[in-house]
Amino acid sequence: MLKFLLGAALGVVLAVVFVRFNWEPPAVLDLPDTVKKDVVSAAIEGDLYDLDNDEATRTRALEVYFKTRAGTAAKLDAAAGHPFLAALYRERATREARILAQTWTAFDKVLAEPALKATLERKHAVSEPGALKRAMLFAALQKKPFLKTWLARNLEPPTADNLRDLLTRAASRTP
């Protein structure tokens, strides 16, 4: 029992030291995990590189490859100009654009309340209903820095006047 407690305490201390000082355990300790990953990678290579396999088999093999060779996959993505990263960003931007675009119709319910409408008119310094909704939508975008930056880089810089169109265009993109 004492050996177990001392081993557990030493493990906790080493974990804290490695994380705190950004150290890595000696390569010898990673050897079993490395061997396991190599065996799994070798086992799926046949499925991964067999161009006649069905899509489900290739997809599963690619998932295993990403899991066991994440560093290599990231290097390949970088060498190809980051297509995987771009697709990941596009998927998130599409999802966020759809969600934000849905708030447009929700604003009608908010503006139907006279007290809320008066408060929002003062806040945004606009009284015309369409302009007020555009200002509210633009204010909502400010809380989504990823989407705001993605729109500016991939479509055009968002403004209160063009935001609804940008959201529609971004939401219609297929991930």
Protein backbone atom coordinates (compact mmCIF):
# COMPACT_ATOMS: atom_id res chain seq x y z
CA MET A 1 0.00 0.00 0.00
CA LEU A 2 2.85 2.36 0.82
CA LYS A 3 4.47 1.74 -2.59
CA PHE A 4 1.18 2.58 -4.29
CA LEU A 5 0.77 5.84 -2.38
CA LEU A 6 4.38 6.87 -2.99
CA GLY A 7 4.06 6.00 -6.68
CA ALA A 8 0.82 7.98 -6.98
CA ALA A 9 2.34 10.97 -5.16
CA LEU A 10 5.44 10.85 -7.38
CA GLY A 11 3.21 10.68 -10.47
CA VAL A 12 1.27 13.76 -9.36
CA VAL A 13 4.47 15.68 -8.60
CA LEU A 14 5.99 14.76 -11.97
CA ALA A 15 2.77 15.70 -13.80
CA VAL A 16 2.68 19.10 -12.10
CA VAL A 17 6.38 19.71 -12.82
CA PHE A 18 6.02 18.70 -16.48
CA VAL A 19 2.98 20.95 -16.99
CA ARG A 20 4.27 23.86 -14.90
CA PHE A 21 7.67 24.07 -16.57
CA ASN A 22 6.54 22.85 -20.01
CA TRP A 23 8.80 19.82 -19.84
CA GLU A 24 8.18 16.55 -21.58
CA PRO A 25 8.66 13.11 -20.07
CA PRO A 26 11.71 11.20 -21.27
CA ALA A 27 11.22 9.50 -24.64
CA VAL A 28 11.61 6.09 -22.98
CA LEU A 29 8.31 6.64 -21.14
CA ASP A 30 6.53 7.32 -24.44
CA LEU A 31 7.87 4.17 -26.06
CA PRO A 32 4.85 1.92 -25.34
CA ASP A 33 2.45 4.55 -26.71
CA THR A 34 4.65 5.12 -29.75
CA VAL A 35 4.82 1.40 -30.50
CA LYS A 36 1.05 1.11 -30.12
CA LYS A 37 0.48 4.01 -32.53
CA ASP A 38 2.93 2.51 -35.04
CA VAL A 39 1.14 -0.85 -34.94
CA VAL A 40 -2.27 0.78 -35.38
CA SER A 41 -1.00 2.98 -38.23
CA ALA A 42 0.51 -0.01 -39.99
CA ALA A 43 -2.75 -1.90 -39.63
CA ILE A 44 -4.85 0.83 -41.26
CA GLU A 45 -2.40 1.71 -44.03
CA GLY A 46 -3.89 -0.92 -46.30
CA ASP A 47 -7.36 0.56 -45.94
CA LEU A 48 -6.15 4.15 -46.13
CA TYR A 49 -4.16 3.76 -49.33
CA ASP A 50 -6.46 1.29 -51.11
CA LEU A 51 -8.18 3.56 -53.62
CA ASP A 52 -10.81 0.91 -54.39
CA ASN A 53 -12.16 0.84 -50.81
CA ASP A 54 -15.57 2.29 -50.07
CA GLU A 55 -15.78 5.77 -48.59
CA ALA A 56 -16.77 4.59 -45.11
CA THR A 57 -13.67 2.41 -44.82
CA ARG A 58 -11.38 5.17 -46.07
CA THR A 59 -13.00 7.69 -43.72
CA ARG A 60 -12.52 5.38 -40.74
CA ALA A 61 -8.90 4.79 -41.75
CA LEU A 62 -8.36 8.55 -42.03
CA GLU A 63 -9.85 9.07 -38.55
CA VAL A 64 -7.40 6.52 -37.14
CA TYR A 65 -4.56 8.20 -39.05
CA PHE A 66 -5.49 11.60 -37.57
CA LYS A 67 -5.66 10.05 -34.11
CA THR A 68 -2.34 8.24 -34.31
CA ARG A 69 -0.40 10.64 -36.52
CA ALA A 70 -1.78 14.06 -35.58
CA GLY A 71 1.58 15.81 -36.00
CA THR A 72 2.13 14.37 -39.45
CA ALA A 73 -1.43 15.24 -40.48
CA ALA A 74 -0.94 18.84 -39.32
CA LYS A 75 2.31 19.07 -41.30
CA LEU A 76 0.59 17.72 -44.42
CA ASP A 77 -2.24 20.23 -43.97
CA ALA A 78 0.29 23.06 -43.66
CA ALA A 79 2.24 21.88 -46.70
CA ALA A 80 -0.97 21.83 -48.77
CA GLY A 81 -1.93 25.36 -47.72
CA HIS A 82 -4.19 24.39 -44.80
CA PRO A 83 -7.24 22.97 -46.62
CA PHE A 84 -8.38 21.07 -43.52
CA LEU A 85 -8.02 24.11 -41.30
CA ALA A 86 -9.85 26.26 -43.87
CA ALA A 87 -12.70 23.74 -44.02
CA LEU A 88 -12.87 23.68 -40.22
CA TYR A 89 -13.04 27.48 -40.11
CA ARG A 90 -15.65 27.58 -42.90
CA GLU A 91 -17.82 25.07 -41.04
CA ARG A 92 -17.72 27.10 -37.82
CA ALA A 93 -18.36 30.38 -39.65
CA THR A 94 -21.32 28.83 -41.48
CA ARG A 95 -22.81 27.58 -38.21
CA GLU A 96 -22.29 30.92 -36.43
CA ALA A 97 -23.70 32.85 -39.41
CA ARG A 98 -26.85 30.71 -39.43
CA ILE A 99 -27.38 31.25 -35.72
CA LEU A 100 -26.78 35.00 -35.93
CA ALA A 101 -29.00 35.34 -39.01
CA GLN A 102 -31.87 33.78 -37.07
CA THR A 103 -31.77 36.64 -34.58
CA TRP A 104 -33.09 38.96 -37.30
CA THR A 105 -36.62 37.58 -36.97
CA ALA A 106 -36.31 37.47 -33.18
CA PHE A 107 -35.73 41.22 -33.20
CA ASP A 108 -39.34 41.68 -34.42
CA LYS A 109 -40.62 40.23 -31.14
CA VAL A 110 -38.30 42.45 -29.12
CA LEU A 111 -39.26 45.56 -31.05
CA ALA A 112 -42.97 44.77 -30.57
CA GLU A 113 -42.52 45.71 -26.91
CA PRO A 114 -42.70 49.52 -26.65
CA ALA A 115 -40.45 49.81 -23.59
CA LEU A 116 -37.75 47.59 -25.09
CA LYS A 117 -37.98 49.39 -28.41
CA ALA A 118 -37.53 52.78 -26.73
CA THR A 119 -34.50 51.53 -24.80
CA LEU A 120 -32.93 50.06 -27.94
CA GLU A 121 -33.61 53.25 -29.90
CA ARG A 122 -31.73 55.23 -27.26
CA LYS A 123 -28.90 52.69 -27.10
CA HIS A 124 -28.33 52.60 -30.86
CA ALA A 125 -29.40 56.22 -31.55
CA VAL A 126 -31.71 55.04 -34.35
CA SER A 127 -35.50 55.08 -34.50
CA GLU A 128 -36.31 53.71 -37.98
CA PRO A 129 -37.22 49.99 -37.48
CA GLY A 130 -35.06 48.59 -40.31
CA ALA A 131 -32.02 50.62 -39.32
CA LEU A 132 -32.56 49.68 -35.69
CA LYS A 133 -32.64 45.98 -36.54
CA ARG A 134 -29.45 46.36 -38.61
CA ALA A 135 -27.75 48.16 -35.71
CA MET A 136 -28.86 45.44 -33.29
CA LEU A 137 -27.58 42.71 -35.62
CA PHE A 138 -24.25 44.50 -35.98
CA ALA A 139 -24.01 44.82 -32.19
CA ALA A 140 -24.67 41.09 -31.88
CA LEU A 141 -21.84 40.42 -34.35
CA GLN A 142 -19.41 42.28 -32.07
CA LYS A 143 -19.88 39.45 -29.55
CA LYS A 144 -18.66 36.93 -32.16
CA PRO A 145 -15.04 37.87 -32.93
CA PHE A 146 -14.32 34.69 -34.91
CA LEU A 147 -17.25 35.25 -37.27
CA LYS A 148 -16.49 38.96 -37.63
CA THR A 149 -12.87 38.26 -38.60
CA TRP A 150 -13.82 35.36 -40.89
CA LEU A 151 -16.38 37.50 -42.74
CA ALA A 152 -13.85 40.30 -43.21
CA ARG A 153 -11.19 37.93 -44.54
CA ASN A 154 -13.36 35.70 -46.72
CA LEU A 155 -16.22 37.88 -47.95
CA GLU A 156 -15.91 41.58 -47.13
CA PRO A 157 -15.66 43.72 -44.00
CA PRO A 158 -19.02 43.69 -42.23
CA THR A 159 -20.98 46.88 -41.67
CA ALA A 160 -24.46 47.40 -40.28
CA ASP A 161 -25.76 47.85 -43.84
CA ASN A 162 -24.18 44.76 -45.46
CA LEU A 163 -24.18 42.35 -42.54
CA ARG A 164 -27.47 40.63 -43.26
CA ASP A 165 -26.36 39.88 -46.83
CA LEU A 166 -22.98 38.62 -45.59
CA LEU A 167 -24.65 36.31 -43.08
CA THR A 168 -26.94 34.93 -45.77
CA ARG A 169 -23.96 34.28 -48.05
CA ALA A 170 -21.90 32.73 -45.27
CA ALA A 171 -24.78 30.60 -44.00
CA SER A 172 -25.45 29.20 -47.46
CA ARG A 173 -21.90 27.92 -47.89
CA THR A 174 -21.64 24.19 -47.58
CA PRO A 175 -19.17 23.13 -44.91
